[in-house]
C-alpha atoms as a PDB file:
ATOM      1  CA  MET A   1      -0.146  -0.175  -0.148  1.00  0.00           C
ATOM      2  CA  THR A   2       1.478   3.391  -1.055  1.00  0.00           C
ATOM      3  CA  ASN A   3       1.810   6.308   1.280  1.00  0.00           C
ATOM      4  CA  GLU A   4      -1.295   8.215  -0.246  1.00  0.00           C
ATOM      5  CA  GLU A   5      -3.222   4.929   0.030  1.00  0.00           C
ATOM      6  CA  LEU A   6      -2.517   4.864   3.684  1.00  0.00           C
ATOM      7  CA  LEU A   7      -3.039   8.466   4.052  1.00  0.00           C
ATOM      8  CA  LYS A   8      -6.927   8.134   2.328  1.00  0.00           C
ATOM      9  CA  ARG A   9      -7.413   5.095   4.477  1.00  0.00           C
ATOM     10  CA  ASN A  10      -6.563   7.047   7.614  1.00  0.00           C
ATOM     11  CA  ARG A  11      -8.988   9.562   6.805  1.00  0.00           C
ATOM     12  CA  GLU A  12     -11.833   7.270   6.135  1.00  0.00           C
ATOM     13  CA  LEU A  13     -11.268   5.874   9.578  1.00  0.00           C
ATOM     14  CA  GLU A  14     -11.230   9.297  11.076  1.00  0.00           C
ATOM     15  CA  ARG A  15     -14.746  10.011   9.231  1.00  0.00           C
ATOM     16  CA  GLU A  16     -16.087   6.572  10.466  1.00  0.00           C
ATOM     17  CA  ILE A  17     -15.095   7.517  14.138  1.00  0.00           C
ATOM     18  CA  LEU A  18     -16.857  10.861  13.771  1.00  0.00           C
ATOM     19  CA  GLU A  19     -19.798   9.095  12.318  1.00  0.00           C
ATOM     20  CA  LEU A  20     -20.120   6.532  14.989  1.00  0.00           C
ATOM     21  CA  LYS A  21     -19.902   9.629  17.498  1.00  0.00           C
ATOM     22  CA  GLY A  22     -22.977  11.216  15.555  1.00  0.00           C
ATOM     23  CA  ILE A  23     -20.943  13.892  13.988  1.00  0.00           C
ATOM     24  CA  LYS A  24     -21.579  14.741  10.385  1.00  0.00           C
ATOM     25  CA  THR A  25     -18.951  14.562   8.201  1.00  0.00           C
ATOM     26  CA  GLU A  26     -20.223  15.992   5.197  1.00  0.00           C
ATOM     27  CA  THR A  27     -19.542  19.340   5.742  1.00  0.00           C
ATOM     28  CA  ILE A  28     -15.770  18.350   6.626  1.00  0.00           C
ATOM     29  CA  PRO A  29     -13.710  19.340   3.408  1.00  0.00           C
ATOM     30  CA  GLU A  30     -11.579  16.515   1.819  1.00  0.00           C
ATOM     31  CA  ILE A  31      -8.019  17.333   2.152  1.00  0.00           C
ATOM     32  CA  LYS A  32      -6.118  17.014  -1.126  1.00  0.00           C
ATOM     33  CA  THR A  33      -2.594  15.294  -1.443  1.00  0.00           C
ATOM     34  CA  TYR A  34      -0.079  16.666  -3.721  1.00  0.00           C
ATOM     35  CA  THR A  35       2.971  14.267  -4.583  1.00  0.00           C
ATOM     36  CA  PHE A  36       6.480  16.083  -4.621  1.00  0.00           C
ATOM     37  CA  SER A  37       7.250  14.743  -8.110  1.00  0.00           C
ATOM     38  CA  LYS A  38       3.946  15.944  -9.753  1.00  0.00           C
ATOM     39  CA  ILE A  39       3.283  19.274  -7.713  1.00  0.00           C
ATOM     40  CA  ARG A  40       3.664  22.486 -10.177  1.00  0.00           C
ATOM     41  CA  ASP A  41       4.127  25.980  -9.602  1.00  0.00           C
ATOM     42  CA  LYS A  42       0.653  27.032 -10.033  1.00  0.00           C
ATOM     43  CA  GLU A  43      -0.639  24.773  -7.578  1.00  0.00           C
ATOM     44  CA  LEU A  44       2.230  25.435  -4.855  1.00  0.00           C
ATOM     45  CA  LYS A  45       1.077  29.102  -5.112  1.00  0.00           C
ATOM     46  CA  LYS A  46      -2.213  28.553  -4.480  1.00  0.00           C
ATOM     47  CA  LEU A  47      -1.381  26.360  -1.250  1.00  0.00           C
ATOM     48  CA  VAL A  48       1.283  28.641   0.332  1.00  0.00           C
ATOM     49  CA  HIS A  49       2.514  32.142   0.258  1.00  0.00           C
ATOM     50  CA  ILE A  50       5.827  31.859  -1.815  1.00  0.00           C
ATOM     51  CA  LYS A  51       7.871  34.374  -3.643  1.00  0.00           C
ATOM     52  CA  LYS A  52      11.496  34.393  -5.245  1.00  0.00           C
ATOM     53  CA  ASN A  53      13.789  36.913  -3.893  1.00  0.00           C
ATOM     54  CA  LEU A  54      16.309  38.105  -6.456  1.00  0.00           C
ATOM     55  CA  ASP A  55      19.228  38.857  -4.028  1.00  0.00           C
ATOM     56  CA  GLU A  56      21.961  36.331  -4.691  1.00  0.00           C
ATOM     57  CA  SER A  57      24.256  37.945  -1.810  1.00  0.00           C
ATOM     58  CA  ILE A  58      22.585  35.493   0.381  1.00  0.00           C
ATOM     59  CA  PHE A  59      24.889  32.961  -1.630  1.00  0.00           C
ATOM     60  CA  ASP A  60      28.214  34.881  -0.940  1.00  0.00           C
ATOM     61  CA  GLU A  61      29.504  32.389   1.928  1.00  0.00           C
ATOM     62  CA  TRP A  62      28.306  29.274   0.379  1.00  0.00           C
ATOM     63  CA  LEU A  63      29.274  29.532  -3.200  1.00  0.00           C
ATOM     64  CA  ASN A  64      32.579  31.538  -2.623  1.00  0.00           C
ATOM     65  CA  ASN A  65      33.921  29.084  -0.139  1.00  0.00           C
ATOM     66  CA  LYS A  66      37.521  28.012  -0.027  1.00  0.00           C
ATOM     67  CA  ILE A  67      37.238  24.435  -0.043  1.00  0.00           C
ATOM     68  CA  ASP A  68      40.274  22.862  -1.229  1.00  0.00           C
ATOM     69  CA  ILE A  69      40.201  20.138  -3.751  1.00  0.00           C
ATOM     70  CA  ASP A  70      43.208  17.636  -3.589  1.00  0.00           C
ATOM     71  CA  ALA A  71      45.005  16.191  -6.738  1.00  0.00           C
ATOM     72  CA  GLU A  72      43.142  12.734  -6.645  1.00  0.00           C
ATOM     73  CA  THR A  73      39.763  14.195  -6.394  1.00  0.00           C
ATOM     74  CA  LEU A  74      40.711  16.574  -9.309  1.00  0.00           C
ATOM     75  CA  ASP A  75      41.478  13.870 -11.547  1.00  0.00           C
ATOM     76  CA  PHE A  76      38.495  12.065 -10.504  1.00  0.00           C
ATOM     77  CA  LEU A  77      36.366  14.899 -11.512  1.00  0.00           C
ATOM     78  CA  ASP A  78      38.334  15.259 -14.935  1.00  0.00           C
ATOM     79  CA  ASN A  79      38.076  11.785 -15.739  1.00  0.00           C
ATOM     80  CA  LEU A  80      34.276  11.766 -14.888  1.00  0.00           C
ATOM     81  CA  LEU A  81      33.444  14.525 -17.052  1.00  0.00           C
ATOM     82  CA  ALA A  82      35.502  12.924 -20.008  1.00  0.00           C
ATOM     83  CA  GLU A  83      33.647   9.794 -19.760  1.00  0.00           C
ATOM     84  CA  ASN A  84      30.464  11.604 -19.847  1.00  0.00           C
ATOM     85  CA  ARG A  85      30.378  15.099 -21.138  1.00  0.00           C
ATOM     86  CA  LYS A  86      29.252  14.022 -24.634  1.00  0.00           C
ATOM     87  CA  LEU A  87      26.361  11.920 -23.203  1.00  0.00           C
ATOM     88  CA  ILE A  88      24.891  13.972 -20.564  1.00  0.00           C
ATOM     89  CA  SER A  89      22.305  15.590 -23.012  1.00  0.00           C
ATOM     90  CA  THR A  90      21.053  11.871 -23.969  1.00  0.00           C
ATOM     91  CA  TYR A  91      20.963  10.256 -20.798  1.00  0.00           C
ATOM     92  CA  ASN A  92      17.766   9.538 -19.096  1.00  0.00           C
ATOM     93  CA  GLU A  93      16.863  10.112 -15.395  1.00  0.00           C
ATOM     94  CA  ASP A  94      18.341   6.956 -14.338  1.00  0.00           C
ATOM     95  CA  GLU A  95      21.542   6.966 -16.410  1.00  0.00           C
ATOM     96  CA  LEU A  96      22.039  10.745 -15.294  1.00  0.00           C
ATOM     97  CA  LYS A  97      21.818   9.574 -11.939  1.00  0.00           C
ATOM     98  CA  ALA A  98      23.799   6.143 -12.233  1.00  0.00           C
ATOM     99  CA  TYR A  99      26.751   7.528 -14.188  1.00  0.00           C
ATOM    100  CA  PHE A 100      27.208  11.234 -13.206  1.00  0.00           C
ATOM    101  CA  ILE A 101      25.295  12.191 -10.293  1.00  0.00           C
ATOM    102  CA  VAL A 102      25.919   9.512  -7.648  1.00  0.00           C
ATOM    103  CA  PRO A 103      29.438   9.233  -8.301  1.00  0.00           C
ATOM    104  CA  ILE A 104      29.923  12.846  -7.483  1.00  0.00           C
ATOM    105  CA  LEU A 105      27.601  12.408  -4.185  1.00  0.00           C
ATOM    106  CA  ASN A 106      29.509   9.323  -3.169  1.00  0.00           C
ATOM    107  CA  LYS A 107      33.084  11.441  -3.893  1.00  0.00           C
ATOM    108  CA  VAL A 108      31.547  14.131  -1.231  1.00  0.00           C
ATOM    109  CA  GLN A 109      30.920  11.317   1.019  1.00  0.00           C
ATOM    110  CA  PHE A 110      27.513  12.183   2.342  1.00  0.00           C
ATOM    111  CA  LEU A 111      28.066   9.487   5.201  1.00  0.00           C
ATOM    112  CA  SER A 112      29.196  10.091   8.795  1.00  0.00           C
ATOM    113  CA  TYR A 113      28.723   7.261  11.265  1.00  0.00           C
ATOM    114  CA  GLN A 114      30.224   9.311  13.900  1.00  0.00           C
ATOM    115  CA  ASN A 115      27.455  12.013  13.608  1.00  0.00           C
ATOM    116  CA  GLU A 116      24.868   9.110  12.585  1.00  0.00           C
ATOM    117  CA  MET A 117      24.133  10.950   9.160  1.00  0.00           C
ATOM    118  CA  ARG A 118      23.988   9.928   5.608  1.00  0.00           C
ATOM    119  CA  GLY A 119      22.222  10.548   2.157  1.00  0.00           C
ATOM    120  CA  PHE A 120      18.980   8.803   1.336  1.00  0.00           C
ATOM    121  CA  TYR A 121      17.698   8.123  -1.927  1.00  0.00           C
ATOM    122  CA  GLU A 122      14.077   7.644  -2.899  1.00  0.00           C
ATOM    123  CA  THR A 123      12.962   8.056   0.765  1.00  0.00           C
ATOM    124  CA  ALA A 124       9.387   8.972   1.895  1.00  0.00           C
ATOM    125  CA  LEU A 125       8.538  12.279   3.170  1.00  0.00           C
ATOM    126  CA  ASN A 126       5.280  13.362   4.511  1.00  0.00           C
ATOM    127  CA  TYR A 127       3.893  16.897   5.814  1.00  0.00           C
ATOM    128  CA  GLU A 128       0.339  17.344   6.620  1.00  0.00           C
ATOM    129  CA  THR A 129      -1.473  20.682   7.413  1.00  0.00           C
ATOM    130  CA  ASP A 130      -5.384  21.194   7.749  1.00  0.00           C
ATOM    131  CA  LYS A 131      -5.642  22.164   4.352  1.00  0.00           C
ATOM    132  CA  PHE A 132      -3.151  20.159   2.380  1.00  0.00           C
ATOM    133  CA  ILE A 133      -0.763  17.263   2.336  1.00  0.00           C
ATOM    134  CA  PHE A 134       2.590  16.976   0.771  1.00  0.00           C
ATOM    135  CA  ASN A 135       4.039  13.309   0.139  1.00  0.00           C
ATOM    136  CA  GLY A 136       6.075  11.269  -1.788  1.00  0.00           C
ATOM    137  CA  ASN A 137       9.654  10.051  -2.325  1.00  0.00           C
ATOM    138  CA  VAL A 138      12.423  12.484  -2.431  1.00  0.00           C
ATOM    139  CA  ASP A 139      15.332  11.881  -5.004  1.00  0.00           C
ATOM    140  CA  PHE A 140      18.082  12.599  -2.292  1.00  0.00           C
ATOM    141  CA  VAL A 141      18.376  14.020   1.149  1.00  0.00           C
ATOM    142  CA  PHE A 142      21.221  14.323   3.674  1.00  0.00           C
ATOM    143  CA  ALA A 143      19.647  13.534   6.961  1.00  0.00           C
ATOM    144  CA  LYS A 144      19.982  12.568  10.499  1.00  0.00           C
ATOM    145  CA  GLY A 145      19.808   8.922  10.809  1.00  0.00           C
ATOM    146  CA  LEU A 146      21.730   5.855   9.356  1.00  0.00           C
ATOM    147  CA  VAL A 147      18.831   3.239   8.967  1.00  0.00           C
ATOM    148  CA  ASP A 148      15.879   5.668   8.854  1.00  0.00           C
ATOM    149  CA  CYS A 149      15.798   9.161   7.550  1.00  0.00           C
ATOM    150  CA  GLU A 150      15.108  11.082  10.784  1.00  0.00           C
ATOM    151  CA  LYS A 151      15.608  14.662  10.160  1.00  0.00           C
ATOM    152  CA  PRO A 152      16.168  16.089   6.732  1.00  0.00           C
ATOM    153  CA  TYR A 153      18.705  18.899   5.871  1.00  0.00           C
ATOM    154  CA  PHE A 154      19.640  19.158   2.555  1.00  0.00           C
ATOM    155  CA  PHE A 155      17.669  17.785  -0.585  1.00  0.00           C
ATOM    156  CA  ILE A 156      18.562  17.250  -4.334  1.00  0.00           C
ATOM    157  CA  GLN A 157      15.758  17.040  -6.437  1.00  0.00           C
ATOM    158  CA  GLU A 158      14.982  15.704 -10.191  1.00  0.00           C
ATOM    159  CA  PHE A 159      17.864  13.864 -12.116  1.00  0.00           C
ATOM    160  CA  LYS A 160      16.069  14.714 -15.091  1.00  0.00           C
ATOM    161  CA  LYS A 161      17.897  15.692 -18.615  1.00  0.00           C
ATOM    162  CA  ALA A 162      15.636  18.721 -19.588  1.00  0.00           C
ATOM    163  CA  GLU A 163      13.124  20.939 -18.229  1.00  0.00           C
ATOM    164  CA  GLU A 164      10.593  19.884 -20.339  1.00  0.00           C
ATOM    165  CA  PHE A 165      10.188  16.710 -18.337  1.00  0.00           C
ATOM    166  CA  GLY A 166       8.899  18.417 -15.483  1.00  0.00           C
ATOM    167  CA  ASN A 167       9.978  21.470 -13.453  1.00  0.00           C
ATOM    168  CA  PRO A 168      12.123  20.399 -10.640  1.00  0.00           C
ATOM    169  CA  ARG A 169      11.938  23.934  -8.892  1.00  0.00           C
ATOM    170  CA  PRO A 170       8.328  23.623  -7.281  1.00  0.00           C
ATOM    171  CA  GLN A 171       9.026  20.150  -6.360  1.00  0.00           C
ATOM    172  CA  LEU A 172      11.975  20.752  -4.285  1.00  0.00           C
ATOM    173  CA  LEU A 173      10.546  23.711  -3.000  1.00  0.00           C
ATOM    174  CA  ALA A 174       7.500  21.685  -1.641  1.00  0.00           C
ATOM    175  CA  GLU A 175      10.133  19.248  -0.099  1.00  0.00           C
ATOM    176  CA  MET A 176      12.072  22.087   1.603  1.00  0.00           C
ATOM    177  CA  ILE A 177       8.617  23.524   3.085  1.00  0.00           C
ATOM    178  CA  SER A 178       7.810  20.217   4.270  1.00  0.00           C
ATOM    179  CA  ALA A 179      11.457  19.843   6.224  1.00  0.00           C
ATOM    180  CA  VAL A 180      11.548  23.454   7.263  1.00  0.00           C
ATOM    181  CA  GLU A 181       8.040  22.746   8.959  1.00  0.00           C
ATOM    182  CA  LEU A 182       8.844  19.331  10.342  1.00  0.00           C
ATOM    183  CA  ASN A 183      12.099  20.249  11.546  1.00  0.00           C
ATOM    184  CA  LYS A 184      10.678  23.567  13.282  1.00  0.00           C
ATOM    185  CA  THR A 185      13.325  25.674  11.720  1.00  0.00           C
ATOM    186  CA  THR A 186      13.203  28.767   9.355  1.00  0.00           C
ATOM    187  CA  THR A 187      15.842  28.173   6.760  1.00  0.00           C
ATOM    188  CA  ILE A 188      16.987  25.229   4.706  1.00  0.00           C
ATOM    189  CA  ARG A 189      18.899  24.614   1.393  1.00  0.00           C
ATOM    190  CA  GLY A 190      18.869  22.499  -1.734  1.00  0.00           C
ATOM    191  CA  ALA A 191      19.575  22.049  -5.134  1.00  0.00           C
ATOM    192  CA  PHE A 192      17.924  20.989  -8.243  1.00  0.00           C
ATOM    193  CA  ILE A 193      19.394  19.487 -11.392  1.00  0.00           C
ATOM    194  CA  THR A 194      18.082  19.949 -15.178  1.00  0.00           C
ATOM    195  CA  GLY A 195      20.716  17.865 -17.311  1.00  0.00           C
ATOM    196  CA  ALA A 196      23.864  19.468 -17.058  1.00  0.00           C
ATOM    197  CA  ILE A 197      22.740  22.472 -14.979  1.00  0.00           C
ATOM    198  CA  TRP A 198      23.022  22.554 -11.123  1.00  0.00           C
ATOM    199  CA  ASN A 199      20.999  25.339  -9.142  1.00  0.00           C
ATOM    200  CA  PHE A 200      21.566  25.716  -5.414  1.00  0.00           C
ATOM    201  CA  VAL A 201      18.359  27.119  -3.576  1.00  0.00           C
ATOM    202  CA  ILE A 202      17.883  28.359  -0.259  1.00  0.00           C
ATOM    203  CA  LEU A 203      14.326  28.832   1.510  1.00  0.00           C
ATOM    204  CA  GLU A 204      13.588  30.853   4.566  1.00  0.00           C
ATOM    205  CA  LYS A 205      10.180  30.747   6.525  1.00  0.00           C
ATOM    206  CA  LEU A 206       8.834  34.333   7.020  1.00  0.00           C
ATOM    207  CA  GLY A 207       5.724  33.596   8.950  1.00  0.00           C
ATOM    208  CA  VAL A 208       2.783  31.214   8.853  1.00  0.00           C
ATOM    209  CA  ASN A 209       2.474  29.585   5.668  1.00  0.00           C
ATOM    210  CA  LYS A 210       4.818  32.334   4.267  1.00  0.00           C
ATOM    211  CA  TYR A 211       8.064  31.711   2.767  1.00  0.00           C
ATOM    212  CA  GLN A 212      10.682  33.194   0.454  1.00  0.00           C
ATOM    213  CA  TYR A 213      13.492  31.173  -1.859  1.00  0.00           C
ATOM    214  CA  PHE A 214      16.682  32.198  -3.604  1.00  0.00           C
ATOM    215  CA  ILE A 215      18.159  30.544  -6.723  1.00  0.00           C
ATOM    216  CA  SER A 216      21.952  30.408  -7.456  1.00  0.00           C
ATOM    217  CA  PRO A 217      23.365  31.316 -11.090  1.00  0.00           C
ATOM    218  CA  ASN A 218      23.791  28.472 -13.225  1.00  0.00           C
ATOM    219  CA  PHE A 219      26.570  25.868 -12.735  1.00  0.00           C
ATOM    220  CA  ASP A 220      27.137  23.989 -15.953  1.00  0.00           C
ATOM    221  CA  SER A 221      28.367  20.612 -14.940  1.00  0.00           C
ATOM    222  CA  THR A 222      30.094  20.111 -18.320  1.00  0.00           C
ATOM    223  CA  ASP A 223      32.246  22.655 -17.736  1.00  0.00           C
ATOM    224  CA  ILE A 224      35.002  21.535 -15.403  1.00  0.00           C
ATOM    225  CA  GLU A 225      35.575  24.788 -13.598  1.00  0.00           C
ATOM    226  CA  LYS A 226      31.847  24.673 -12.658  1.00  0.00           C
ATOM    227  CA  LEU A 227      31.980  20.912 -11.685  1.00  0.00           C
ATOM    228  CA  LYS A 228      34.805  22.058  -9.384  1.00  0.00           C
ATOM    229  CA  GLY A 229      32.369  24.512  -7.934  1.00  0.00           C
ATOM    230  CA  ILE A 230      29.510  21.978  -7.899  1.00  0.00           C
ATOM    231  CA  TYR A 231      32.070  19.971  -5.492  1.00  0.00           C
ATOM    232  CA  ARG A 232      32.997  22.203  -3.429  1.00  0.00           C
ATOM    233  CA  ASN A 233      29.317  23.540  -2.923  1.00  0.00           C
ATOM    234  CA  LEU A 234      28.197  20.256  -1.593  1.00  0.00           C
ATOM    235  CA  LYS A 235      31.139  19.481   0.527  1.00  0.00           C
ATOM    236  CA  PHE A 236      31.003  23.079   2.265  1.00  0.00           C
ATOM    237  CA  VAL A 237      27.018  22.761   2.848  1.00  0.00           C
ATOM    238  CA  LYS A 238      27.798  18.635   4.217  1.00  0.00           C
ATOM    239  CA  ASN A 239      30.528  20.252   6.601  1.00  0.00           C
ATOM    240  CA  GLU A 240      28.337  23.051   7.708  1.00  0.00           C
ATOM    241  CA  ILE A 241      25.337  20.586   8.525  1.00  0.00           C
ATOM    242  CA  ILE A 242      27.423  18.043  10.315  1.00  0.00           C
ATOM    243  CA  GLU A 243      28.960  21.185  12.538  1.00  0.00           C
ATOM    244  CA  MET A 244      25.260  22.322  13.152  1.00  0.00           C
ATOM    245  CA  VAL A 245      24.197  18.737  14.058  1.00  0.00           C
ATOM    246  CA  ARG A 246      27.199  18.650  16.478  1.00  0.00           C
ATOM    247  CA  LYS A 247      26.273  21.986  18.189  1.00  0.00           C
ATOM    248  CA  GLU A 248      22.718  20.532  18.410  1.00  0.00           C
ATOM    249  CA  LYS A 249      23.955  17.747  20.394  1.00  0.00           C
END
């Protein structure tokens, strides 16, 4: 049984309990479920107050980080790009993920036994309000937990080769909104990928059901210098999250 089927069954049980108590349920509006992989801009803006902030200075520390890349990692990135550059535009979602994205994430090493954190692929996330439900599987999330995803901190959405296959931005934003609310925080970071292009994202909660987000300039992963930047940015956010988790302890 899928998450959506379980949620639907739970709502049916709630209605049955209310009816047994003599409470009429026909006046109770149905709460609609939106899956991350299918939500679009128009739907997201109807559900929450969200706007794009064009100020890119918020990325200054993140994208201008001084992470060193050692010689072995430089060779790895050079070889990875040499093997895949001509084919990236032809890869389907699974191929892009298997041949290019996952090797980069593995090199960044989103795994810390000491801090009980790791990257999760295709893990379920669910956020419910009295007006809507966000749920589904997220492509990648760096989270607290080794066996189960306990607390999400950083998302990467949509290993897709082109924007025409679906806009990953509102899908990522819905995931980030869910995480901010579940974590009871006010800010979270993420990234989305369309083919060779990476964009980094910061989401901030401004108030009840009100958010703003920032999108970085494009990082074209077929350019070796931009690919190095992607690696540095991922390494930086990983290190920063681990340090934050240590302080939380």
